[in-house]
């Protein structure tokens, strides 16, 4: 079974329709997740990051509410890290020169033997040597 780990950049690009070329593939992944062929994971902090991204991307609260509801209905499983995970994430963040947040998604993909999907080109360039990552 394929496992994908999503960060806020991917989810927001989908919700805000900022990546039309990616949207078709993402919708297919959502269908596969609903049928049990793919598992979608993220950090338990993703709803906070998505909510914040919507708050500052959309001026219309009604549109933001609709987008958040759409997000909350996506078949994403939220992972809770343990203390040892946090220590490893911090080590990797220092090694890569990246944020703790971004590194946590990538670490999760590695932990679950999946692929981290991101739209964050800067993080991708710094971390691609670790594998388990795809720039979308």
C-alpha atoms as a PDB file:
ATOM      1  CA  UNK A   1       0.000   0.000   0.000  1.00  0.00           C
ATOM      2  CA  UNK A   2       1.264   3.479  -0.859  1.00  0.00           C
ATOM      3  CA  UNK A   3       1.650   5.961   1.954  1.00  0.00           C
ATOM      4  CA  UNK A   4       1.793   9.703   1.399  1.00  0.00           C
ATOM      5  CA  UNK A   5       2.539  12.326   4.020  1.00  0.00           C
ATOM      6  CA  UNK A   6       1.064  15.746   3.317  1.00  0.00           C
ATOM      7  CA  UNK A   7       2.163  19.135   4.569  1.00  0.00           C
ATOM      8  CA  UNK A   8       0.176  22.366   4.695  1.00  0.00           C
ATOM      9  CA  UNK A   9       1.640  23.603   1.394  1.00  0.00           C
ATOM     10  CA  UNK A  10       0.090  20.694  -0.507  1.00  0.00           C
ATOM     11  CA  UNK A  11      -3.278  20.897   1.221  1.00  0.00           C
ATOM     12  CA  UNK A  12      -3.506  24.670   0.816  1.00  0.00           C
ATOM     13  CA  UNK A  13      -2.501  24.467  -2.861  1.00  0.00           C
ATOM     14  CA  UNK A  14      -5.371  22.018  -3.350  1.00  0.00           C
ATOM     15  CA  UNK A  15      -7.942  23.974  -1.316  1.00  0.00           C
ATOM     16  CA  UNK A  16      -7.016  27.318  -2.850  1.00  0.00           C
ATOM     17  CA  UNK A  17      -6.729  25.830  -6.340  1.00  0.00           C
ATOM     18  CA  UNK A  18      -3.184  27.120  -6.728  1.00  0.00           C
ATOM     19  CA  UNK A  19      -1.739  24.065  -8.469  1.00  0.00           C
ATOM     20  CA  UNK A  20      -4.035  22.931 -11.298  1.00  0.00           C
ATOM     21  CA  UNK A  21      -1.469  20.459 -12.646  1.00  0.00           C
ATOM     22  CA  UNK A  22      -1.246  18.774  -9.237  1.00  0.00           C
ATOM     23  CA  UNK A  23      -4.980  18.876  -8.479  1.00  0.00           C
ATOM     24  CA  UNK A  24      -5.883  15.943 -10.749  1.00  0.00           C
ATOM     25  CA  UNK A  25      -3.253  13.695  -9.134  1.00  0.00           C
ATOM     26  CA  UNK A  26      -4.282  14.799  -5.663  1.00  0.00           C
ATOM     27  CA  UNK A  27      -7.953  14.066  -6.326  1.00  0.00           C
ATOM     28  CA  UNK A  28      -6.955  10.616  -7.569  1.00  0.00           C
ATOM     29  CA  UNK A  29      -4.953  10.042  -4.362  1.00  0.00           C
ATOM     30  CA  UNK A  30      -8.005  11.069  -2.323  1.00  0.00           C
ATOM     31  CA  UNK A  31     -10.153   8.559  -4.205  1.00  0.00           C
ATOM     32  CA  UNK A  32      -7.569   5.843  -3.635  1.00  0.00           C
ATOM     33  CA  UNK A  33      -7.412   6.718   0.066  1.00  0.00           C
ATOM     34  CA  UNK A  34     -11.179   6.415   0.382  1.00  0.00           C
ATOM     35  CA  UNK A  35     -11.035   2.986  -1.269  1.00  0.00           C
ATOM     36  CA  UNK A  36      -8.143   1.831   0.950  1.00  0.00           C
ATOM     37  CA  UNK A  37      -5.468   1.674  -1.767  1.00  0.00           C
ATOM     38  CA  UNK A  38      -3.508   4.629  -0.406  1.00  0.00           C
ATOM     39  CA  UNK A  39      -3.047   6.000   3.092  1.00  0.00           C
ATOM     40  CA  UNK A  40      -2.685   9.732   3.651  1.00  0.00           C
ATOM     41  CA  UNK A  41      -0.963  10.903   6.816  1.00  0.00           C
ATOM     42  CA  UNK A  42       0.117  14.135   8.373  1.00  0.00           C
ATOM     43  CA  UNK A  43       1.065  15.635  11.694  1.00  0.00           C
ATOM     44  CA  UNK A  44      -1.688  16.327  14.175  1.00  0.00           C
ATOM     45  CA  UNK A  45      -0.727  20.009  13.788  1.00  0.00           C
ATOM     46  CA  UNK A  46      -1.852  20.114  10.156  1.00  0.00           C
ATOM     47  CA  UNK A  47      -5.375  21.427  10.918  1.00  0.00           C
ATOM     48  CA  UNK A  48      -3.829  24.397  12.753  1.00  0.00           C
ATOM     49  CA  UNK A  49      -1.464  25.166   9.884  1.00  0.00           C
ATOM     50  CA  UNK A  50      -4.205  24.824   7.273  1.00  0.00           C
ATOM     51  CA  UNK A  51      -6.586  26.984   9.308  1.00  0.00           C
ATOM     52  CA  UNK A  52      -3.917  29.660   9.634  1.00  0.00           C
ATOM     53  CA  UNK A  53      -3.110  29.468   5.928  1.00  0.00           C
ATOM     54  CA  UNK A  54      -6.784  29.913   5.061  1.00  0.00           C
ATOM     55  CA  UNK A  55      -7.135  32.805   7.492  1.00  0.00           C
ATOM     56  CA  UNK A  56      -4.384  34.765   5.795  1.00  0.00           C
ATOM     57  CA  UNK A  57      -5.064  33.651   2.205  1.00  0.00           C
ATOM     58  CA  UNK A  58      -8.797  34.283   1.973  1.00  0.00           C
ATOM     59  CA  UNK A  59     -10.433  37.595   2.807  1.00  0.00           C
ATOM     60  CA  UNK A  60     -13.924  36.096   2.706  1.00  0.00           C
ATOM     61  CA  UNK A  61     -14.633  34.173   5.921  1.00  0.00           C
ATOM     62  CA  UNK A  62     -17.422  32.170   4.308  1.00  0.00           C
ATOM     63  CA  UNK A  63     -15.004  30.858   1.667  1.00  0.00           C
ATOM     64  CA  UNK A  64     -12.469  30.075   4.386  1.00  0.00           C
ATOM     65  CA  UNK A  65     -15.127  28.198   6.397  1.00  0.00           C
ATOM     66  CA  UNK A  66     -16.059  26.149   3.324  1.00  0.00           C
ATOM     67  CA  UNK A  67     -12.425  25.356   2.561  1.00  0.00           C
ATOM     68  CA  UNK A  68     -11.760  24.310   6.159  1.00  0.00           C
ATOM     69  CA  UNK A  69     -14.801  22.028   6.150  1.00  0.00           C
ATOM     70  CA  UNK A  70     -13.589  20.489   2.893  1.00  0.00           C
ATOM     71  CA  UNK A  71     -10.180  19.898   4.485  1.00  0.00           C
ATOM     72  CA  UNK A  72     -11.650  18.379   7.647  1.00  0.00           C
ATOM     73  CA  UNK A  73     -13.484  15.821   5.523  1.00  0.00           C
ATOM     74  CA  UNK A  74     -10.372  14.639   3.686  1.00  0.00           C
ATOM     75  CA  UNK A  75      -9.281  11.070   4.516  1.00  0.00           C
ATOM     76  CA  UNK A  76      -6.087  12.108   6.298  1.00  0.00           C
ATOM     77  CA  UNK A  77      -4.828  10.244   9.365  1.00  0.00           C
ATOM     78  CA  UNK A  78      -3.146  12.456  11.946  1.00  0.00           C
ATOM     79  CA  UNK A  79      -0.006  11.114  13.592  1.00  0.00           C
ATOM     80  CA  UNK A  80       1.131  12.025  17.111  1.00  0.00           C
ATOM     81  CA  UNK A  81       4.891  12.003  17.654  1.00  0.00           C
ATOM     82  CA  UNK A  82       6.539  10.653  20.797  1.00  0.00           C
ATOM     83  CA  UNK A  83       9.462  12.309  22.655  1.00  0.00           C
ATOM     84  CA  UNK A  84      12.109  10.272  20.796  1.00  0.00           C
ATOM     85  CA  UNK A  85      10.613  11.370  17.488  1.00  0.00           C
ATOM     86  CA  UNK A  86      10.822  15.032  18.471  1.00  0.00           C
ATOM     87  CA  UNK A  87      14.500  14.679  19.345  1.00  0.00           C
ATOM     88  CA  UNK A  88      15.257  13.034  15.995  1.00  0.00           C
ATOM     89  CA  UNK A  89      13.285  15.710  14.131  1.00  0.00           C
ATOM     90  CA  UNK A  90      15.314  18.439  15.847  1.00  0.00           C
ATOM     91  CA  UNK A  91      18.572  16.699  14.922  1.00  0.00           C
ATOM     92  CA  UNK A  92      17.500  16.447  11.286  1.00  0.00           C
ATOM     93  CA  UNK A  93      16.337  20.079  11.217  1.00  0.00           C
ATOM     94  CA  UNK A  94      19.798  21.194  12.345  1.00  0.00           C
ATOM     95  CA  UNK A  95      21.480  18.840   9.879  1.00  0.00           C
ATOM     96  CA  UNK A  96      19.427  20.131   6.958  1.00  0.00           C
ATOM     97  CA  UNK A  97      19.171  23.769   8.053  1.00  0.00           C
ATOM     98  CA  UNK A  98      15.368  23.575   7.869  1.00  0.00           C
ATOM     99  CA  UNK A  99      12.423  24.330  10.096  1.00  0.00           C
ATOM    100  CA  UNK A 100      11.274  21.879  12.728  1.00  0.00           C
ATOM    101  CA  UNK A 101       7.777  21.900  11.178  1.00  0.00           C
ATOM    102  CA  UNK A 102       8.903  20.994   7.661  1.00  0.00           C
ATOM    103  CA  UNK A 103      11.339  18.403   8.929  1.00  0.00           C
ATOM    104  CA  UNK A 104       8.621  16.745  11.021  1.00  0.00           C
ATOM    105  CA  UNK A 105       6.571  15.934   7.900  1.00  0.00           C
ATOM    106  CA  UNK A 106       9.593  14.477   6.144  1.00  0.00           C
ATOM    107  CA  UNK A 107      10.563  12.477   9.227  1.00  0.00           C
ATOM    108  CA  UNK A 108       7.031  11.072   9.364  1.00  0.00           C
ATOM    109  CA  UNK A 109       7.264   9.931   5.741  1.00  0.00           C
ATOM    110  CA  UNK A 110      10.538   8.172   6.497  1.00  0.00           C
ATOM    111  CA  UNK A 111       9.123   6.609   9.663  1.00  0.00           C
ATOM    112  CA  UNK A 112       6.071   5.278   7.804  1.00  0.00           C
ATOM    113  CA  UNK A 113       8.109   4.245   4.741  1.00  0.00           C
ATOM    114  CA  UNK A 114       6.062   6.604   2.629  1.00  0.00           C
ATOM    115  CA  UNK A 115       6.602   9.658   0.449  1.00  0.00           C
ATOM    116  CA  UNK A 116       6.412  13.228   1.698  1.00  0.00           C
ATOM    117  CA  UNK A 117       4.508  15.405  -0.781  1.00  0.00           C
ATOM    118  CA  UNK A 118       5.315  19.100  -0.608  1.00  0.00           C
ATOM    119  CA  UNK A 119       5.023  22.265  -2.666  1.00  0.00           C
ATOM    120  CA  UNK A 120       7.842  23.852  -0.659  1.00  0.00           C
ATOM    121  CA  UNK A 121      10.664  24.075  -3.189  1.00  0.00           C
ATOM    122  CA  UNK A 122      13.141  25.471  -0.634  1.00  0.00           C
ATOM    123  CA  UNK A 123      12.676  22.577   1.766  1.00  0.00           C
ATOM    124  CA  UNK A 124      12.770  20.078  -1.088  1.00  0.00           C
ATOM    125  CA  UNK A 125      16.133  21.400  -2.318  1.00  0.00           C
ATOM    126  CA  UNK A 126      17.660  21.124   1.149  1.00  0.00           C
ATOM    127  CA  UNK A 127      16.229  17.696   1.991  1.00  0.00           C
ATOM    128  CA  UNK A 128      15.914  15.704  -1.230  1.00  0.00           C
ATOM    129  CA  UNK A 129      19.123  13.807  -0.495  1.00  0.00           C
ATOM    130  CA  UNK A 130      17.311  12.002   2.327  1.00  0.00           C
ATOM    131  CA  UNK A 131      14.801  10.474  -0.101  1.00  0.00           C
ATOM    132  CA  UNK A 132      11.126   9.793   0.685  1.00  0.00           C
ATOM    133  CA  UNK A 133      10.129  13.187  -0.738  1.00  0.00           C
ATOM    134  CA  UNK A 134       8.432  14.480  -3.876  1.00  0.00           C
ATOM    135  CA  UNK A 135       8.008  18.070  -5.004  1.00  0.00           C
ATOM    136  CA  UNK A 136       4.547  18.564  -6.465  1.00  0.00           C
END
